[in-house]
């Protein structure tokens, strides 16, 4: 599931994709995916692309918050929670630090 969502994010040209394995830290979800968008419209496009591609593979979203009105959109796929953020919001909230990724298996991907 996470690979399908990451591929969709890459298709939408998401920046600074981070996948954090949180299975051993919480029962709420297995993975947090954090990605940056360049504008509110780009953030919306990344989130929409992710949930539309997931739906094509039979993966339903449980909820979505912030779509169309925010610098931070959250899409809950149950086993994966996607955070699409503007760079300033991402720096301010620093979700990666909240999950102490030094203790998790984080995978960083950058665009070539």
PDB file of N, CA and C in Angstrom:
ATOM      1  N   UNK A   1       0.811  -1.190   0.000  1.00  0.00           N
ATOM      2  CA  UNK A   1       0.000   0.000   0.000  1.00  0.00           C
ATOM      3  C   UNK A   1       0.859   1.260   0.000  1.00  0.00           C
ATOM      4  N   UNK A   2       1.872   1.325   0.868  1.00  0.00           N
ATOM      5  CA  UNK A   2       2.687   2.535   0.936  1.00  0.00           C
ATOM      6  C   UNK A   2       3.400   2.790  -0.374  1.00  0.00           C
ATOM      7  N   UNK A   3       3.802   1.722  -1.077  1.00  0.00           N
ATOM      8  CA  UNK A   3       4.497   1.899  -2.350  1.00  0.00           C
ATOM      9  C   UNK A   3       3.585   2.509  -3.410  1.00  0.00           C
ATOM     10  N   UNK A   4       2.322   2.147  -3.397  1.00  0.00           N
ATOM     11  CA  UNK A   4       1.345   2.720  -4.332  1.00  0.00           C
ATOM     12  C   UNK A   4       1.182   4.208  -4.052  1.00  0.00           C
ATOM     13  N   UNK A   5       1.104   4.562  -2.787  1.00  0.00           N
ATOM     14  CA  UNK A   5       0.928   5.962  -2.408  1.00  0.00           C
ATOM     15  C   UNK A   5       2.183   6.766  -2.722  1.00  0.00           C
ATOM     16  N   UNK A   6       3.357   6.218  -2.436  1.00  0.00           N
ATOM     17  CA  UNK A   6       4.607   6.913  -2.755  1.00  0.00           C
ATOM     18  C   UNK A   6       4.730   7.121  -4.261  1.00  0.00           C
ATOM     19  N   UNK A   7       4.379   6.119  -5.056  1.00  0.00           N
ATOM     20  CA  UNK A   7       4.431   6.260  -6.516  1.00  0.00           C
ATOM     21  C   UNK A   7       3.501   7.376  -6.987  1.00  0.00           C
ATOM     22  N   UNK A   8       2.325   7.475  -6.391  1.00  0.00           N
ATOM     23  CA  UNK A   8       1.384   8.540  -6.750  1.00  0.00           C
ATOM     24  C   UNK A   8       1.953   9.909  -6.387  1.00  0.00           C
ATOM     25  N   UNK A   9       2.591   9.997  -5.233  1.00  0.00           N
ATOM     26  CA  UNK A   9       3.215  11.253  -4.803  1.00  0.00           C
ATOM     27  C   UNK A   9       4.314  11.648  -5.780  1.00  0.00           C
ATOM     28  N   UNK A  10       5.124  10.681  -6.184  1.00  0.00           N
ATOM     29  CA  UNK A  10       6.186  10.950  -7.154  1.00  0.00           C
ATOM     30  C   UNK A  10       5.604  11.408  -8.486  1.00  0.00           C
ATOM     31  N   UNK A  11       4.502  10.784  -8.921  1.00  0.00           N
ATOM     32  CA  UNK A  11       3.833  11.198 -10.159  1.00  0.00           C
ATOM     33  C   UNK A  11       3.359  12.645 -10.079  1.00  0.00           C
ATOM     34  N   UNK A  12       2.937  13.071  -8.896  1.00  0.00           N
ATOM     35  CA  UNK A  12       2.453  14.440  -8.696  1.00  0.00           C
ATOM     36  C   UNK A  12       3.589  15.414  -8.375  1.00  0.00           C
ATOM     37  N   UNK A  13       4.816  14.924  -8.473  1.00  0.00           N
ATOM     38  CA  UNK A  13       6.013  15.749  -8.252  1.00  0.00           C
ATOM     39  C   UNK A  13       6.131  16.276  -6.825  1.00  0.00           C
ATOM     40  N   UNK A  14       5.754  15.446  -5.848  1.00  0.00           N
ATOM     41  CA  UNK A  14       5.935  15.815  -4.449  1.00  0.00           C
ATOM     42  C   UNK A  14       7.414  15.913  -4.111  1.00  0.00           C
ATOM     43  N   UNK A  15       7.749  16.801  -3.203  1.00  0.00           N
ATOM     44  CA  UNK A  15       9.144  17.047  -2.825  1.00  0.00           C
ATOM     45  C   UNK A  15       9.461  16.466  -1.449  1.00  0.00           C
ATOM     46  N   UNK A  16      10.704  16.042  -1.289  1.00  0.00           N
ATOM     47  CA  UNK A  16      11.229  15.626   0.015  1.00  0.00           C
ATOM     48  C   UNK A  16      10.321  14.597   0.698  1.00  0.00           C
ATOM     49  N   UNK A  17      10.124  13.473   0.022  1.00  0.00           N
ATOM     50  CA  UNK A  17       9.249  12.409   0.525  1.00  0.00           C
ATOM     51  C   UNK A  17       9.963  11.641   1.639  1.00  0.00           C
ATOM     52  N   UNK A  18       9.305  11.529   2.780  1.00  0.00           N
ATOM     53  CA  UNK A  18       9.835  10.750   3.896  1.00  0.00           C
ATOM     54  C   UNK A  18       8.788   9.716   4.308  1.00  0.00           C
ATOM     55  N   UNK A  19       9.217   8.459   4.392  1.00  0.00           N
ATOM     56  CA  UNK A  19       8.346   7.375   4.847  1.00  0.00           C
ATOM     57  C   UNK A  19       8.877   6.908   6.198  1.00  0.00           C
ATOM     58  N   UNK A  20       8.021   6.945   7.210  1.00  0.00           N
ATOM     59  CA  UNK A  20       8.429   6.555   8.557  1.00  0.00           C
ATOM     60  C   UNK A  20       7.629   5.325   8.980  1.00  0.00           C
ATOM     61  N   UNK A  21       8.339   4.270   9.329  1.00  0.00           N
ATOM     62  CA  UNK A  21       7.716   3.047   9.840  1.00  0.00           C
ATOM     63  C   UNK A  21       7.434   3.258  11.327  1.00  0.00           C
ATOM     64  N   UNK A  22       6.158   3.339  11.686  1.00  0.00           N
ATOM     65  CA  UNK A  22       5.773   3.589  13.080  1.00  0.00           C
ATOM     66  C   UNK A  22       5.048   2.396  13.699  1.00  0.00           C
ATOM     67  N   UNK A  23       5.156   1.233  13.070  1.00  0.00           N
ATOM     68  CA  UNK A  23       4.438   0.046  13.547  1.00  0.00           C
ATOM     69  C   UNK A  23       4.771  -0.296  14.996  1.00  0.00           C
ATOM     70  N   UNK A  24       6.030  -0.085  15.374  1.00  0.00           N
ATOM     71  CA  UNK A  24       6.447  -0.425  16.734  1.00  0.00           C
ATOM     72  C   UNK A  24       6.209   0.720  17.727  1.00  0.00           C
ATOM     73  N   UNK A  25       5.692   1.855  17.230  1.00  0.00           N
ATOM     74  CA  UNK A  25       5.455   3.006  18.095  1.00  0.00           C
ATOM     75  C   UNK A  25       3.979   3.275  18.375  1.00  0.00           C
ATOM     76  N   UNK A  26       3.094   2.789  17.494  1.00  0.00           N
ATOM     77  CA  UNK A  26       1.668   3.066  17.645  1.00  0.00           C
ATOM     78  C   UNK A  26       0.839   1.971  16.986  1.00  0.00           C
ATOM     79  N   UNK A  27      -0.386   1.829  17.440  1.00  0.00           N
ATOM     80  CA  UNK A  27      -1.312   0.894  16.808  1.00  0.00           C
ATOM     81  C   UNK A  27      -2.253   1.614  15.845  1.00  0.00           C
ATOM     82  N   UNK A  28      -2.118   2.922  15.744  1.00  0.00           N
ATOM     83  CA  UNK A  28      -3.003   3.734  14.914  1.00  0.00           C
ATOM     84  C   UNK A  28      -2.749   3.516  13.429  1.00  0.00           C
ATOM     85  N   UNK A  29      -1.490   3.389  13.043  1.00  0.00           N
ATOM     86  CA  UNK A  29      -1.115   3.239  11.642  1.00  0.00           C
ATOM     87  C   UNK A  29       0.218   2.523  11.557  1.00  0.00           C
ATOM     88  N   UNK A  30       0.567   2.071  10.372  1.00  0.00           N
ATOM     89  CA  UNK A  30       1.859   1.407  10.169  1.00  0.00           C
ATOM     90  C   UNK A  30       2.925   2.367   9.649  1.00  0.00           C
ATOM     91  N   UNK A  31       2.507   3.286   8.761  1.00  0.00           N
ATOM     92  CA  UNK A  31       3.459   4.205   8.137  1.00  0.00           C
ATOM     93  C   UNK A  31       2.920   5.623   8.119  1.00  0.00           C
ATOM     94  N   UNK A  32       3.820   6.573   8.327  1.00  0.00           N
ATOM     95  CA  UNK A  32       3.551   7.988   8.103  1.00  0.00           C
ATOM     96  C   UNK A  32       4.354   8.379   6.869  1.00  0.00           C
ATOM     97  N   UNK A  33       3.683   8.999   5.928  1.00  0.00           N
ATOM     98  CA  UNK A  33       4.375   9.543   4.764  1.00  0.00           C
ATOM     99  C   UNK A  33       4.239  11.053   4.849  1.00  0.00           C
ATOM    100  N   UNK A  34       5.370  11.739   4.773  1.00  0.00           N
ATOM    101  CA  UNK A  34       5.388  13.194   4.842  1.00  0.00           C
ATOM    102  C   UNK A  34       6.024  13.702   3.559  1.00  0.00           C
ATOM    103  N   UNK A  35       5.367  14.660   2.924  1.00  0.00           N
ATOM    104  CA  UNK A  35       5.837  15.181   1.644  1.00  0.00           C
ATOM    105  C   UNK A  35       5.549  16.673   1.590  1.00  0.00           C
ATOM    106  N   UNK A  36       6.385  17.400   0.872  1.00  0.00           N
ATOM    107  CA  UNK A  36       6.190  18.836   0.706  1.00  0.00           C
ATOM    108  C   UNK A  36       5.647  19.153  -0.673  1.00  0.00           C
ATOM    109  N   UNK A  37       4.809  20.182  -0.720  1.00  0.00           N
ATOM    110  CA  UNK A  37       4.304  20.734  -1.970  1.00  0.00           C
ATOM    111  C   UNK A  37       4.741  22.178  -2.085  1.00  0.00           C
ATOM    112  N   UNK A  38       4.778  22.690  -3.302  1.00  0.00           N
ATOM    113  CA  UNK A  38       5.317  24.030  -3.531  1.00  0.00           C
ATOM    114  C   UNK A  38       4.298  25.149  -3.338  1.00  0.00           C
ATOM    115  N   UNK A  39       3.020  24.819  -3.348  1.00  0.00           N
ATOM    116  CA  UNK A  39       1.952  25.813  -3.188  1.00  0.00           C
ATOM    117  C   UNK A  39       0.719  25.092  -2.650  1.00  0.00           C
ATOM    118  N   UNK A  40      -0.285  25.851  -2.241  1.00  0.00           N
ATOM    119  CA  UNK A  40      -1.517  25.211  -1.758  1.00  0.00           C
ATOM    120  C   UNK A  40      -2.144  24.351  -2.848  1.00  0.00           C
ATOM    121  N   UNK A  41      -2.114  24.827  -4.087  1.00  0.00           N
ATOM    122  CA  UNK A  41      -2.668  24.049  -5.203  1.00  0.00           C
ATOM    123  C   UNK A  41      -1.870  22.758  -5.405  1.00  0.00           C
ATOM    124  N   UNK A  42      -0.544  22.833  -5.328  1.00  0.00           N
ATOM    125  CA  UNK A  42       0.298  21.643  -5.486  1.00  0.00           C
ATOM    126  C   UNK A  42       0.033  20.651  -4.356  1.00  0.00           C
ATOM    127  N   UNK A  43      -0.126  21.161  -3.141  1.00  0.00           N
ATOM    128  CA  UNK A  43      -0.439  20.306  -1.990  1.00  0.00           C
ATOM    129  C   UNK A  43      -1.749  19.565  -2.235  1.00  0.00           C
ATOM    130  N   UNK A  44      -2.751  20.288  -2.718  1.00  0.00           N
ATOM    131  CA  UNK A  44      -4.050  19.682  -3.027  1.00  0.00           C
ATOM    132  C   UNK A  44      -3.905  18.619  -4.111  1.00  0.00           C
ATOM    133  N   UNK A  45      -3.131  18.917  -5.152  1.00  0.00           N
ATOM    134  CA  UNK A  45      -2.937  17.970  -6.257  1.00  0.00           C
ATOM    135  C   UNK A  45      -2.258  16.693  -5.781  1.00  0.00           C
ATOM    136  N   UNK A  46      -1.247  16.820  -4.934  1.00  0.00           N
ATOM    137  CA  UNK A  46      -0.549  15.642  -4.405  1.00  0.00           C
ATOM    138  C   UNK A  46      -1.531  14.761  -3.628  1.00  0.00           C
ATOM    139  N   UNK A  47      -2.302  15.372  -2.738  1.00  0.00           N
ATOM    140  CA  UNK A  47      -3.266  14.610  -1.931  1.00  0.00           C
ATOM    141  C   UNK A  47      -4.311  13.936  -2.815  1.00  0.00           C
ATOM    142  N   UNK A  48      -4.850  14.674  -3.781  1.00  0.00           N
ATOM    143  CA  UNK A  48      -5.868  14.111  -4.676  1.00  0.00           C
ATOM    144  C   UNK A  48      -5.304  12.967  -5.510  1.00  0.00           C
ATOM    145  N   UNK A  49      -4.101  13.149  -6.040  1.00  0.00           N
ATOM    146  CA  UNK A  49      -3.469  12.096  -6.838  1.00  0.00           C
ATOM    147  C   UNK A  49      -3.264  10.844  -5.997  1.00  0.00           C
ATOM    148  N   UNK A  50      -2.823  11.018  -4.754  1.00  0.00           N
ATOM    149  CA  UNK A  50      -2.591   9.869  -3.872  1.00  0.00           C
ATOM    150  C   UNK A  50      -3.882   9.106  -3.608  1.00  0.00           C
ATOM    151  N   UNK A  51      -4.964   9.814  -3.266  1.00  0.00           N
ATOM    152  CA  UNK A  51      -6.175   9.055  -2.942  1.00  0.00           C
ATOM    153  C   UNK A  51      -6.874   8.516  -4.179  1.00  0.00           C
ATOM    154  N   UNK A  52      -6.738   9.162  -5.318  1.00  0.00           N
ATOM    155  CA  UNK A  52      -7.330   8.612  -6.546  1.00  0.00           C
ATOM    156  C   UNK A  52      -6.583   7.360  -7.008  1.00  0.00           C
ATOM    157  N   UNK A  53      -5.249   7.387  -6.937  1.00  0.00           N
ATOM    158  CA  UNK A  53      -4.462   6.203  -7.311  1.00  0.00           C
ATOM    159  C   UNK A  53      -4.705   5.061  -6.322  1.00  0.00           C
ATOM    160  N   UNK A  54      -4.796   5.389  -5.055  1.00  0.00           N
ATOM    161  CA  UNK A  54      -5.078   4.360  -4.049  1.00  0.00           C
ATOM    162  C   UNK A  54      -6.432   3.713  -4.331  1.00  0.00           C
ATOM    163  N   UNK A  55      -7.425   4.525  -4.658  1.00  0.00           N
ATOM    164  CA  UNK A  55      -8.769   4.002  -4.949  1.00  0.00           C
ATOM    165  C   UNK A  55      -8.750   3.063  -6.146  1.00  0.00           C
ATOM    166  N   UNK A  56      -7.921   3.357  -7.147  1.00  0.00           N
ATOM    167  CA  UNK A  56      -7.808   2.479  -8.319  1.00  0.00           C
ATOM    168  C   UNK A  56      -7.281   1.099  -7.938  1.00  0.00           C
ATOM    169  N   UNK A  57      -6.556   1.033  -6.818  1.00  0.00           N
ATOM    170  CA  UNK A  57      -6.009  -0.236  -6.330  1.00  0.00           C
ATOM    171  C   UNK A  57      -6.857  -0.822  -5.199  1.00  0.00           C
ATOM    172  N   UNK A  58      -8.046  -0.289  -5.005  1.00  0.00           N
ATOM    173  CA  UNK A  58      -8.946  -0.822  -3.985  1.00  0.00           C
ATOM    174  C   UNK A  58      -8.654  -0.358  -2.572  1.00  0.00           C
ATOM    175  N   UNK A  59      -7.817   0.660  -2.439  1.00  0.00           N
ATOM    176  CA  UNK A  59      -7.473   1.192  -1.119  1.00  0.00           C
ATOM    177  C   UNK A  59      -8.374   2.396  -0.850  1.00  0.00           C
ATOM    178  N   UNK A  60      -9.159   2.308   0.202  1.00  0.00           N
ATOM    179  CA  UNK A  60     -10.072   3.399   0.533  1.00  0.00           C
ATOM    180  C   UNK A  60      -9.447   4.340   1.551  1.00  0.00           C
ATOM    181  N   UNK A  61      -9.769   5.604   1.417  1.00  0.00           N
ATOM    182  CA  UNK A  61      -9.341   6.564   2.430  1.00  0.00           C
ATOM    183  C   UNK A  61     -10.396   6.612   3.528  1.00  0.00           C
ATOM    184  N   UNK A  62      -9.943   6.689   4.770  1.00  0.00           N
ATOM    185  CA  UNK A  62     -10.871   6.805   5.891  1.00  0.00           C
ATOM    186  C   UNK A  62     -11.301   8.248   6.100  1.00  0.00           C
ATOM    187  N   UNK A  63     -10.409   9.165   5.753  1.00  0.00           N
ATOM    188  CA  UNK A  63     -10.717  10.573   5.935  1.00  0.00           C
ATOM    189  C   UNK A  63      -9.671  11.449   5.298  1.00  0.00           C
ATOM    190  N   UNK A  64     -10.050  12.705   5.098  1.00  0.00           N
ATOM    191  CA  UNK A  64      -9.129  13.700   4.556  1.00  0.00           C
ATOM    192  C   UNK A  64      -9.448  15.030   5.222  1.00  0.00           C
ATOM    193  N   UNK A  65      -8.417  15.744   5.627  1.00  0.00           N
ATOM    194  CA  UNK A  65      -8.584  17.040   6.289  1.00  0.00           C
ATOM    195  C   UNK A  65      -7.707  18.078   5.608  1.00  0.00           C
ATOM    196  N   UNK A  66      -8.240  19.291   5.455  1.00  0.00           N
ATOM    197  CA  UNK A  66      -7.463  20.414   4.955  1.00  0.00           C
ATOM    198  C   UNK A  66      -7.463  20.589   3.455  1.00  0.00           C
ATOM    199  N   UNK A  67      -8.144  19.729   2.726  1.00  0.00           N
ATOM    200  CA  UNK A  67      -8.114  19.788   1.266  1.00  0.00           C
ATOM    201  C   UNK A  67      -8.728  21.097   0.771  1.00  0.00           C
ATOM    202  N   UNK A  68      -7.968  21.814  -0.067  1.00  0.00           N
ATOM    203  CA  UNK A  68      -8.466  23.029  -0.694  1.00  0.00           C
ATOM    204  C   UNK A  68      -8.387  24.286   0.141  1.00  0.00           C
ATOM    205  N   UNK A  69      -7.913  24.183   1.372  1.00  0.00           N
ATOM    206  CA  UNK A  69      -7.906  25.379   2.212  1.00  0.00           C
ATOM    207  C   UNK A  69      -6.728  25.449   3.173  1.00  0.00           C
ATOM    208  N   UNK A  70      -5.708  24.695   2.925  1.00  0.00           N
ATOM    209  CA  UNK A  70      -4.683  24.587   3.950  1.00  0.00           C
ATOM    210  C   UNK A  70      -3.298  24.364   3.366  1.00  0.00           C
ATOM    211  N   UNK A  71      -2.300  24.705   4.176  1.00  0.00           N
ATOM    212  CA  UNK A  71      -0.915  24.386   3.857  1.00  0.00           C
ATOM    213  C   UNK A  71      -0.547  22.995   4.370  1.00  0.00           C
ATOM    214  N   UNK A  72      -1.545  22.273   4.887  1.00  0.00           N
ATOM    215  CA  UNK A  72      -1.304  20.933   5.429  1.00  0.00           C
ATOM    216  C   UNK A  72      -2.556  20.102   5.192  1.00  0.00           C
ATOM    217  N   UNK A  73      -2.413  19.077   4.375  1.00  0.00           N
ATOM    218  CA  UNK A  73      -3.515  18.161   4.100  1.00  0.00           C
ATOM    219  C   UNK A  73      -3.131  16.792   4.649  1.00  0.00           C
ATOM    220  N   UNK A  74      -4.049  16.164   5.365  1.00  0.00           N
ATOM    221  CA  UNK A  74      -3.830  14.826   5.915  1.00  0.00           C
ATOM    222  C   UNK A  74      -4.823  13.876   5.262  1.00  0.00           C
ATOM    223  N   UNK A  75      -4.295  12.759   4.737  1.00  0.00           N
ATOM    224  CA  UNK A  75      -5.141  11.719   4.159  1.00  0.00           C
ATOM    225  C   UNK A  75      -4.893  10.445   4.961  1.00  0.00           C
ATOM    226  N   UNK A  76      -5.952   9.896   5.533  1.00  0.00           N
ATOM    227  CA  UNK A  76      -5.862   8.695   6.364  1.00  0.00           C
ATOM    228  C   UNK A  76      -6.309   7.486   5.552  1.00  0.00           C
ATOM    229  N   UNK A  77      -5.361   6.585   5.283  1.00  0.00           N
ATOM    230  CA  UNK A  77      -5.644   5.333   4.585  1.00  0.00           C
ATOM    231  C   UNK A  77      -5.631   4.153   5.556  1.00  0.00           C
ATOM    232  N   UNK A  78      -5.734   4.403   6.841  1.00  0.00           N
ATOM    233  CA  UNK A  78      -5.679   3.405   7.915  1.00  0.00           C
ATOM    234  C   UNK A  78      -4.243   2.933   8.136  1.00  0.00           C
ATOM    235  N   UNK A  79      -3.715   2.074   7.281  1.00  0.00           N
ATOM    236  CA  UNK A  79      -2.352   1.566   7.468  1.00  0.00           C
ATOM    237  C   UNK A  79      -1.286   2.594   7.115  1.00  0.00           C
ATOM    238  N   UNK A  80      -1.679   3.623   6.380  1.00  0.00           N
ATOM    239  CA  UNK A  80      -0.778   4.705   5.983  1.00  0.00           C
ATOM    240  C   UNK A  80      -1.494   6.030   6.231  1.00  0.00           C
ATOM    241  N   UNK A  81      -0.794   6.966   6.864  1.00  0.00           N
ATOM    242  CA  UNK A  81      -1.307   8.326   7.013  1.00  0.00           C
ATOM    243  C   UNK A  81      -0.371   9.245   6.241  1.00  0.00           C
ATOM    244  N   UNK A  82      -0.949   9.984   5.300  1.00  0.00           N
ATOM    245  CA  UNK A  82      -0.193  10.877   4.429  1.00  0.00           C
ATOM    246  C   UNK A  82      -0.351  12.314   4.901  1.00  0.00           C
ATOM    247  N   UNK A  83       0.778  12.988   5.101  1.00  0.00           N
ATOM    248  CA  UNK A  83       0.803  14.409   5.447  1.00  0.00           C
ATOM    249  C   UNK A  83       1.436  15.146   4.271  1.00  0.00           C
ATOM    250  N   UNK A  84       0.676  16.040   3.634  1.00  0.00           N
ATOM    251  CA  UNK A  84       1.189  16.854   2.534  1.00  0.00           C
ATOM    252  C   UNK A  84       1.234  18.284   3.054  1.00  0.00           C
ATOM    253  N   UNK A  85       2.439  18.866   3.073  1.00  0.00           N
ATOM    254  CA  UNK A  85       2.621  20.145   3.760  1.00  0.00           C
ATOM    255  C   UNK A  85       3.433  21.128   2.925  1.00  0.00           C
ATOM    256  N   UNK A  86       3.217  22.410   3.198  1.00  0.00           N
ATOM    257  CA  UNK A  86       4.102  23.424   2.639  1.00  0.00           C
ATOM    258  C   UNK A  86       5.429  23.324   3.391  1.00  0.00           C
ATOM    259  N   UNK A  87       6.540  23.726   2.774  1.00  0.00           N
ATOM    260  CA  UNK A  87       7.819  23.678   3.497  1.00  0.00           C
ATOM    261  C   UNK A  87       7.803  24.454   4.822  1.00  0.00           C
ATOM    262  N   UNK A  88       7.210  25.677   4.891  1.00  0.00           N
ATOM    263  CA  UNK A  88       7.181  26.356   6.193  1.00  0.00           C
ATOM    264  C   UNK A  88       6.371  25.599   7.253  1.00  0.00           C
ATOM    265  N   UNK A  89       5.233  25.034   6.869  1.00  0.00           N
ATOM    266  CA  UNK A  89       4.431  24.256   7.829  1.00  0.00           C
ATOM    267  C   UNK A  89       5.193  23.013   8.270  1.00  0.00           C
ATOM    268  N   UNK A  90       5.847  22.374   7.332  1.00  0.00           N
ATOM    269  CA  UNK A  90       6.607  21.158   7.662  1.00  0.00           C
ATOM    270  C   UNK A  90       7.734  21.472   8.632  1.00  0.00           C
ATOM    271  N   UNK A  91       8.416  22.580   8.386  1.00  0.00           N
ATOM    272  CA  UNK A  91       9.498  22.976   9.288  1.00  0.00           C
ATOM    273  C   UNK A  91       8.946  23.341  10.670  1.00  0.00           C
ATOM    274  N   UNK A  92       7.836  24.051  10.697  1.00  0.00           N
ATOM    275  CA  UNK A  92       7.247  24.489  11.964  1.00  0.00           C
ATOM    276  C   UNK A  92       6.773  23.304  12.818  1.00  0.00           C
ATOM    277  N   UNK A  93       6.032  22.383  12.215  1.00  0.00           N
ATOM    278  CA  UNK A  93       5.457  21.264  12.978  1.00  0.00           C
ATOM    279  C   UNK A  93       6.432  20.106  13.165  1.00  0.00           C
ATOM    280  N   UNK A  94       7.378  19.957  12.260  1.00  0.00           N
ATOM    281  CA  UNK A  94       8.475  18.988  12.381  1.00  0.00           C
ATOM    282  C   UNK A  94       7.994  17.604  12.830  1.00  0.00           C
ATOM    283  N   UNK A  95       7.065  17.048  12.073  1.00  0.00           N
ATOM    284  CA  UNK A  95       6.479  15.743  12.410  1.00  0.00           C
ATOM    285  C   UNK A  95       7.541  14.653  12.509  1.00  0.00           C
ATOM    286  N   UNK A  96       8.542  14.721  11.654  1.00  0.00           N
ATOM    287  CA  UNK A  96       9.596  13.709  11.692  1.00  0.00           C
ATOM    288  C   UNK A  96      10.210  13.619  13.080  1.00  0.00           C
ATOM    289  N   UNK A  97      10.404  14.760  13.714  1.00  0.00           N
ATOM    290  CA  UNK A  97      10.984  14.784  15.061  1.00  0.00           C
ATOM    291  C   UNK A  97      10.015  14.211  16.096  1.00  0.00           C
ATOM    292  N   UNK A  98       8.724  14.445  15.912  1.00  0.00           N
ATOM    293  CA  UNK A  98       7.738  13.902  16.854  1.00  0.00           C
ATOM    294  C   UNK A  98       7.813  12.384  16.926  1.00  0.00           C
ATOM    295  N   UNK A  99       8.092  11.769  15.789  1.00  0.00           N
ATOM    296  CA  UNK A  99       8.168  10.309  15.745  1.00  0.00           C
ATOM    297  C   UNK A  99       9.588   9.806  15.966  1.00  0.00           C
ATOM    298  N   UNK A 100      10.524  10.707  16.283  1.00  0.00           N
ATOM    299  CA  UNK A 100      11.910  10.353  16.585  1.00  0.00           C
ATOM    300  C   UNK A 100      12.451   9.364  15.562  1.00  0.00           C
ATOM    301  N   UNK A 101      12.590   9.842  14.326  1.00  0.00           N
ATOM    302  CA  UNK A 101      12.958   8.929  13.252  1.00  0.00           C
ATOM    303  C   UNK A 101      14.340   8.316  13.410  1.00  0.00           C
ATOM    304  N   UNK A 102      15.140   8.822  14.331  1.00  0.00           N
ATOM    305  CA  UNK A 102      16.411   8.150  14.580  1.00  0.00           C
ATOM    306  C   UNK A 102      16.177   6.755  15.157  1.00  0.00           C
ATOM    307  N   UNK A 103      15.005   6.536  15.748  1.00  0.00           N
ATOM    308  CA  UNK A 103      14.667   5.238  16.324  1.00  0.00           C
ATOM    309  C   UNK A 103      13.801   4.392  15.399  1.00  0.00           C
ATOM    310  N   UNK A 104      13.453   4.932  14.232  1.00  0.00           N
ATOM    311  CA  UNK A 104      12.605   4.203  13.296  1.00  0.00           C
ATOM    312  C   UNK A 104      13.357   3.981  12.005  1.00  0.00           C
ATOM    313  N   UNK A 105      12.770   3.215  11.124  1.00  0.00           N
ATOM    314  CA  UNK A 105      13.391   2.998   9.827  1.00  0.00           C
ATOM    315  C   UNK A 105      12.768   3.963   8.831  1.00  0.00           C
ATOM    316  N   UNK A 106      13.370   5.130   8.735  1.00  0.00           N
ATOM    317  CA  UNK A 106      12.871   6.140   7.798  1.00  0.00           C
ATOM    318  C   UNK A 106      13.575   5.964   6.467  1.00  0.00           C
ATOM    319  N   UNK A 107      12.817   6.138   5.407  1.00  0.00           N
ATOM    320  CA  UNK A 107      13.367   6.078   4.067  1.00  0.00           C
ATOM    321  C   UNK A 107      13.189   7.452   3.462  1.00  0.00           C
ATOM    322  N   UNK A 108      14.290   8.052   3.005  1.00  0.00           N
ATOM    323  CA  UNK A 108      14.197   9.347   2.354  1.00  0.00           C
ATOM    324  C   UNK A 108      14.360   9.156   0.867  1.00  0.00           C
ATOM    325  N   UNK A 109      13.568   9.857   0.114  1.00  0.00           N
ATOM    326  CA  UNK A 109      13.620   9.798  -1.336  1.00  0.00           C
ATOM    327  C   UNK A 109      13.673  11.217  -1.858  1.00  0.00           C
ATOM    328  N   UNK A 110      14.583  11.471  -2.782  1.00  0.00           N
ATOM    329  CA  UNK A 110      14.650  12.790  -3.393  1.00  0.00           C
ATOM    330  C   UNK A 110      14.493  12.645  -4.883  1.00  0.00           C
ATOM    331  N   UNK A 111      14.011  13.709  -5.500  1.00  0.00           N
ATOM    332  CA  UNK A 111      13.850  13.688  -6.952  1.00  0.00           C
ATOM    333  C   UNK A 111      15.210  13.811  -7.609  1.00  0.00           C
ATOM    334  N   UNK A 112      15.390  13.077  -8.679  1.00  0.00           N
ATOM    335  CA  UNK A 112      16.644  13.158  -9.442  1.00  0.00           C
ATOM    336  C   UNK A 112      16.560  14.262 -10.455  1.00  0.00           C
TER     337      UNK A 112
END
